[in-house]
Amino acid sequence: MEEQLDRNREQHELERRIEELRRELRVRGLHDDEISRKLGLPQTGMRIYRIIVFRRTLS
């Protein structure tokens, strides 16, 4: 149970960080598809895939 809460918290934090990065890049005039391409994410917005790729970029 505690482990699940930790995972949920971690996932929420990663999603929040991805959104921050997207906003930051949007300020620089990039659209979502361009942002996704630069981050190496699929443009379809597959959530799980996005988080896995994002974790790799952090480590």
PDB file of N, CA and C in Angstrom:
ATOM      1  N   MET A   1       0.830  -1.198   0.000  1.00  0.00           N
ATOM      2  CA  MET A   1       0.000   0.000   0.000  1.00  0.00           C
ATOM      3  C   MET A   1       0.875   1.263   0.000  1.00  0.00           C
ATOM      4  N   GLU A   2       1.805   1.318   0.913  1.00  0.00           N
ATOM      5  CA  GLU A   2       2.724   2.461   1.007  1.00  0.00           C
ATOM      6  C   GLU A   2       3.543   2.597  -0.272  1.00  0.00           C
ATOM      7  N   GLU A   3       3.968   1.452  -0.811  1.00  0.00           N
ATOM      8  CA  GLU A   3       4.746   1.435  -2.052  1.00  0.00           C
ATOM      9  C   GLU A   3       3.939   2.039  -3.202  1.00  0.00           C
ATOM     10  N   GLN A   4       2.657   1.685  -3.269  1.00  0.00           N
ATOM     11  CA  GLN A   4       1.762   2.215  -4.313  1.00  0.00           C
ATOM     12  C   GLN A   4       1.627   3.737  -4.172  1.00  0.00           C
ATOM     13  N   LEU A   5       1.497   4.208  -2.946  1.00  0.00           N
ATOM     14  CA  LEU A   5       1.401   5.650  -2.710  1.00  0.00           C
ATOM     15  C   LEU A   5       2.668   6.362  -3.164  1.00  0.00           C
ATOM     16  N   ASP A   6       3.826   5.757  -2.858  1.00  0.00           N
ATOM     17  CA  ASP A   6       5.100   6.332  -3.294  1.00  0.00           C
ATOM     18  C   ASP A   6       5.174   6.405  -4.810  1.00  0.00           C
ATOM     19  N   ARG A   7       4.751   5.314  -5.475  1.00  0.00           N
ATOM     20  CA  ARG A   7       4.760   5.293  -6.948  1.00  0.00           C
ATOM     21  C   ARG A   7       3.835   6.364  -7.509  1.00  0.00           C
ATOM     22  N   ASN A   8       2.648   6.477  -6.923  1.00  0.00           N
ATOM     23  CA  ASN A   8       1.694   7.495  -7.383  1.00  0.00           C
ATOM     24  C   ASN A   8       2.255   8.899  -7.211  1.00  0.00           C
ATOM     25  N   ARG A   9       2.877   9.126  -6.067  1.00  0.00           N
ATOM     26  CA  ARG A   9       3.479  10.432  -5.786  1.00  0.00           C
ATOM     27  C   ARG A   9       4.584  10.732  -6.789  1.00  0.00           C
ATOM     28  N   GLU A  10       5.440   9.734  -7.023  1.00  0.00           N
ATOM     29  CA  GLU A  10       6.547   9.883  -7.967  1.00  0.00           C
ATOM     30  C   GLU A  10       6.016  10.152  -9.376  1.00  0.00           C
ATOM     31  N   GLN A  11       5.000   9.411  -9.774  1.00  0.00           N
ATOM     32  CA  GLN A  11       4.406   9.587 -11.101  1.00  0.00           C
ATOM     33  C   GLN A  11       3.811  10.991 -11.234  1.00  0.00           C
ATOM     34  N   HIS A  12       3.125  11.428 -10.201  1.00  0.00           N
ATOM     35  CA  HIS A  12       2.525  12.762 -10.220  1.00  0.00           C
ATOM     36  C   HIS A  12       3.615  13.830 -10.349  1.00  0.00           C
ATOM     37  N   GLU A  13       4.699  13.657  -9.618  1.00  0.00           N
ATOM     38  CA  GLU A  13       5.814  14.609  -9.661  1.00  0.00           C
ATOM     39  C   GLU A  13       6.428  14.657 -11.060  1.00  0.00           C
ATOM     40  N   LEU A  14       6.618  13.483 -11.680  1.00  0.00           N
ATOM     41  CA  LEU A  14       7.177  13.439 -13.034  1.00  0.00           C
ATOM     42  C   LEU A  14       6.239  14.107 -14.037  1.00  0.00           C
ATOM     43  N   GLU A  15       4.953  13.848 -13.913  1.00  0.00           N
ATOM     44  CA  GLU A  15       3.980  14.475 -14.818  1.00  0.00           C
ATOM     45  C   GLU A  15       3.983  15.991 -14.648  1.00  0.00           C
ATOM     46  N   ARG A  16       4.093  16.438 -13.404  1.00  0.00           N
ATOM     47  CA  ARG A  16       4.140  17.873 -13.124  1.00  0.00           C
ATOM     48  C   ARG A  16       5.383  18.496 -13.763  1.00  0.00           C
ATOM     49  N   ARG A  17       6.505  17.801 -13.642  1.00  0.00           N
ATOM     50  CA  ARG A  17       7.771  18.291 -14.211  1.00  0.00           C
ATOM     51  C   ARG A  17       7.697  18.346 -15.738  1.00  0.00           C
ATOM     52  N   ILE A  18       7.087  17.315 -16.346  1.00  0.00           N
ATOM     53  CA  ILE A  18       6.921  17.305 -17.802  1.00  0.00           C
ATOM     54  C   ILE A  18       6.095  18.520 -18.220  1.00  0.00           C
ATOM     55  N   GLU A  19       5.029  18.793 -17.496  1.00  0.00           N
ATOM     56  CA  GLU A  19       4.187  19.955 -17.823  1.00  0.00           C
ATOM     57  C   GLU A  19       4.966  21.253 -17.672  1.00  0.00           C
ATOM     58  N   GLU A  20       5.803  21.349 -16.625  1.00  0.00           N
ATOM     59  CA  GLU A  20       6.639  22.541 -16.445  1.00  0.00           C
ATOM     60  C   GLU A  20       7.558  22.727 -17.642  1.00  0.00           C
ATOM     61  N   LEU A  21       8.198  21.629 -18.061  1.00  0.00           N
ATOM     62  CA  LEU A  21       9.102  21.701 -19.212  1.00  0.00           C
ATOM     63  C   LEU A  21       8.351  22.096 -20.476  1.00  0.00           C
ATOM     64  N   ARG A  22       7.170  21.540 -20.661  1.00  0.00           N
ATOM     65  CA  ARG A  22       6.355  21.901 -21.832  1.00  0.00           C
ATOM     66  C   ARG A  22       6.027  23.394 -21.823  1.00  0.00           C
ATOM     67  N   ARG A  23       5.622  23.906 -20.656  1.00  0.00           N
ATOM     68  CA  ARG A  23       5.292  25.341 -20.557  1.00  0.00           C
ATOM     69  C   ARG A  23       6.517  26.186 -20.878  1.00  0.00           C
ATOM     70  N   GLU A  24       7.656  25.787 -20.314  1.00  0.00           N
ATOM     71  CA  GLU A  24       8.911  26.497 -20.540  1.00  0.00           C
ATOM     72  C   GLU A  24       9.246  26.543 -22.033  1.00  0.00           C
ATOM     73  N   LEU A  25       9.116  25.402 -22.695  1.00  0.00           N
ATOM     74  CA  LEU A  25       9.430  25.338 -24.120  1.00  0.00           C
ATOM     75  C   LEU A  25       8.399  26.097 -24.947  1.00  0.00           C
ATOM     76  N   ARG A  26       7.133  26.076 -24.519  1.00  0.00           N
ATOM     77  CA  ARG A  26       6.084  26.827 -25.226  1.00  0.00           C
ATOM     78  C   ARG A  26       6.398  28.314 -25.206  1.00  0.00           C
ATOM     79  N   VAL A  27       6.945  28.779 -24.078  1.00  0.00           N
ATOM     80  CA  VAL A  27       7.317  30.187 -23.958  1.00  0.00           C
ATOM     81  C   VAL A  27       8.345  30.532 -25.031  1.00  0.00           C
ATOM     82  N   ARG A  28       9.159  29.564 -25.380  1.00  0.00           N
ATOM     83  CA  ARG A  28      10.177  29.776 -26.414  1.00  0.00           C
ATOM     84  C   ARG A  28       9.608  29.604 -27.819  1.00  0.00           C
ATOM     85  N   GLY A  29       8.304  29.412 -27.918  1.00  0.00           N
ATOM     86  CA  GLY A  29       7.647  29.378 -29.214  1.00  0.00           C
ATOM     87  C   GLY A  29       7.553  28.014 -29.870  1.00  0.00           C
ATOM     88  N   LEU A  30       7.654  26.947 -29.097  1.00  0.00           N
ATOM     89  CA  LEU A  30       7.546  25.608 -29.673  1.00  0.00           C
ATOM     90  C   LEU A  30       6.153  25.046 -29.416  1.00  0.00           C
ATOM     91  N   HIS A  31       5.624  24.328 -30.379  1.00  0.00           N
ATOM     92  CA  HIS A  31       4.318  23.682 -30.210  1.00  0.00           C
ATOM     93  C   HIS A  31       4.512  22.313 -29.571  1.00  0.00           C
ATOM     94  N   ASP A  32       3.420  21.740 -29.056  1.00  0.00           N
ATOM     95  CA  ASP A  32       3.477  20.457 -28.354  1.00  0.00           C
ATOM     96  C   ASP A  32       4.156  19.348 -29.154  1.00  0.00           C
ATOM     97  N   ASP A  33       3.842  19.224 -30.454  1.00  0.00           N
ATOM     98  CA  ASP A  33       4.459  18.166 -31.256  1.00  0.00           C
ATOM     99  C   ASP A  33       5.963  18.373 -31.372  1.00  0.00           C
ATOM    100  N   GLU A  34       6.376  19.627 -31.518  1.00  0.00           N
ATOM    101  CA  GLU A  34       7.809  19.919 -31.582  1.00  0.00           C
ATOM    102  C   GLU A  34       8.469  19.605 -30.239  1.00  0.00           C
ATOM    103  N   ILE A  35       7.791  19.977 -29.170  1.00  0.00           N
ATOM    104  CA  ILE A  35       8.304  19.705 -27.824  1.00  0.00           C
ATOM    105  C   ILE A  35       8.458  18.199 -27.632  1.00  0.00           C
ATOM    106  N   SER A  36       7.409  17.449 -27.991  1.00  0.00           N
ATOM    107  CA  SER A  36       7.452  15.995 -27.851  1.00  0.00           C
ATOM    108  C   SER A  36       8.604  15.414 -28.654  1.00  0.00           C
ATOM    109  N   ARG A  37       8.783  15.912 -29.865  1.00  0.00           N
ATOM    110  CA  ARG A  37       9.867  15.416 -30.714  1.00  0.00           C
ATOM    111  C   ARG A  37      11.220  15.696 -30.058  1.00  0.00           C
ATOM    112  N   LYS A  38      11.396  16.914 -29.540  1.00  0.00           N
ATOM    113  CA  LYS A  38      12.660  17.274 -28.893  1.00  0.00           C
ATOM    114  C   LYS A  38      12.925  16.423 -27.650  1.00  0.00           C
ATOM    115  N   LEU A  39      11.860  16.077 -26.925  1.00  0.00           N
ATOM    116  CA  LEU A  39      12.017  15.244 -25.729  1.00  0.00           C
ATOM    117  C   LEU A  39      12.070  13.757 -26.073  1.00  0.00           C
ATOM    118  N   GLY A  40      11.893  13.437 -27.364  1.00  0.00           N
ATOM    119  CA  GLY A  40      11.922  12.039 -27.790  1.00  0.00           C
ATOM    120  C   GLY A  40      10.657  11.286 -27.412  1.00  0.00           C
ATOM    121  N   LEU A  41       9.540  11.999 -27.322  1.00  0.00           N
ATOM    122  CA  LEU A  41       8.271  11.394 -26.932  1.00  0.00           C
ATOM    123  C   LEU A  41       7.380  11.229 -28.158  1.00  0.00           C
ATOM    124  N   PRO A  42       6.487  10.255 -28.112  1.00  0.00           N
ATOM    125  CA  PRO A  42       5.541  10.117 -29.225  1.00  0.00           C
ATOM    126  C   PRO A  42       4.565  11.298 -29.204  1.00  0.00           C
ATOM    127  N   GLN A  43       4.163  11.761 -30.361  1.00  0.00           N
ATOM    128  CA  GLN A  43       3.248  12.901 -30.421  1.00  0.00           C
ATOM    129  C   GLN A  43       1.828  12.528 -29.996  1.00  0.00           C
ATOM    130  N   THR A  44       1.566  11.239 -29.856  1.00  0.00           N
ATOM    131  CA  THR A  44       0.228  10.794 -29.463  1.00  0.00           C
ATOM    132  C   THR A  44      -0.018  10.995 -27.973  1.00  0.00           C
ATOM    133  N   GLY A  45       1.039  11.265 -27.207  1.00  0.00           N
ATOM    134  CA  GLY A  45       0.882  11.514 -25.781  1.00  0.00           C
ATOM    135  C   GLY A  45       0.661  10.260 -24.959  1.00  0.00           C
ATOM    136  N   MET A  46       1.350   9.177 -25.296  1.00  0.00           N
ATOM    137  CA  MET A  46       1.227   7.944 -24.509  1.00  0.00           C
ATOM    138  C   MET A  46       1.871   8.173 -23.143  1.00  0.00           C
ATOM    139  N   ARG A  47       1.044   8.210 -22.113  1.00  0.00           N
ATOM    140  CA  ARG A  47       1.462   8.616 -20.779  1.00  0.00           C
ATOM    141  C   ARG A  47       2.572   7.750 -20.182  1.00  0.00           C
ATOM    142  N   ILE A  48       2.397   6.463 -20.175  1.00  0.00           N
ATOM    143  CA  ILE A  48       3.380   5.560 -19.566  1.00  0.00           C
ATOM    144  C   ILE A  48       4.716   5.700 -20.288  1.00  0.00           C
ATOM    145  N   TYR A  49       4.675   5.654 -21.597  1.00  0.00           N
ATOM    146  CA  TYR A  49       5.889   5.777 -22.405  1.00  0.00           C
ATOM    147  C   TYR A  49       6.596   7.093 -22.083  1.00  0.00           C
ATOM    148  N   ARG A  50       5.815   8.151 -21.982  1.00  0.00           N
ATOM    149  CA  ARG A  50       6.362   9.473 -21.702  1.00  0.00           C
ATOM    150  C   ARG A  50       7.125   9.467 -20.381  1.00  0.00           C
ATOM    151  N   ILE A  51       6.549   8.869 -19.367  1.00  0.00           N
ATOM    152  CA  ILE A  51       7.173   8.843 -18.045  1.00  0.00           C
ATOM    153  C   ILE A  51       8.454   8.020 -18.063  1.00  0.00           C
ATOM    154  N   ILE A  52       8.432   6.870 -18.732  1.00  0.00           N
ATOM    155  CA  ILE A  52       9.630   6.028 -18.817  1.00  0.00           C
ATOM    156  C   ILE A  52      10.754   6.787 -19.505  1.00  0.00           C
ATOM    157  N   VAL A  53      10.453   7.407 -20.636  1.00  0.00           N
ATOM    158  CA  VAL A  53      11.469   8.157 -21.375  1.00  0.00           C
ATOM    159  C   VAL A  53      11.970   9.317 -20.534  1.00  0.00           C
ATOM    160  N   PHE A  54      11.056  10.009 -19.863  1.00  0.00           N
ATOM    161  CA  PHE A  54      11.430  11.156 -19.054  1.00  0.00           C
ATOM    162  C   PHE A  54      12.345  10.738 -17.906  1.00  0.00           C
ATOM    163  N   ARG A  55      12.036   9.603 -17.284  1.00  0.00           N
ATOM    164  CA  ARG A  55      12.893   9.094 -16.205  1.00  0.00           C
ATOM    165  C   ARG A  55      14.307   8.844 -16.705  1.00  0.00           C
ATOM    166  N   ARG A  56      14.404   8.289 -17.908  1.00  0.00           N
ATOM    167  CA  ARG A  56      15.729   8.028 -18.478  1.00  0.00           C
ATOM    168  C   ARG A  56      16.495   9.326 -18.681  1.00  0.00           C
ATOM    169  N   THR A  57      15.799  10.383 -19.095  1.00  0.00           N
ATOM    170  CA  THR A  57      16.488  11.654 -19.328  1.00  0.00           C
ATOM    171  C   THR A  57      16.959  12.269 -18.016  1.00  0.00           C
ATOM    172  N   LEU A  58      16.291  11.943 -16.911  1.00  0.00           N
ATOM    173  CA  LEU A  58      16.695  12.484 -15.615  1.00  0.00           C
ATOM    174  C   LEU A  58      17.907  11.766 -15.034  1.00  0.00           C
ATOM    175  N   SER A  59      18.052  10.484 -15.366  1.00  0.00           N
ATOM    176  CA  SER A  59      19.144   9.730 -14.733  1.00  0.00           C
ATOM    177  C   SER A  59      20.442   9.826 -15.497  1.00  0.00           C
TER     178      SER A  59
END
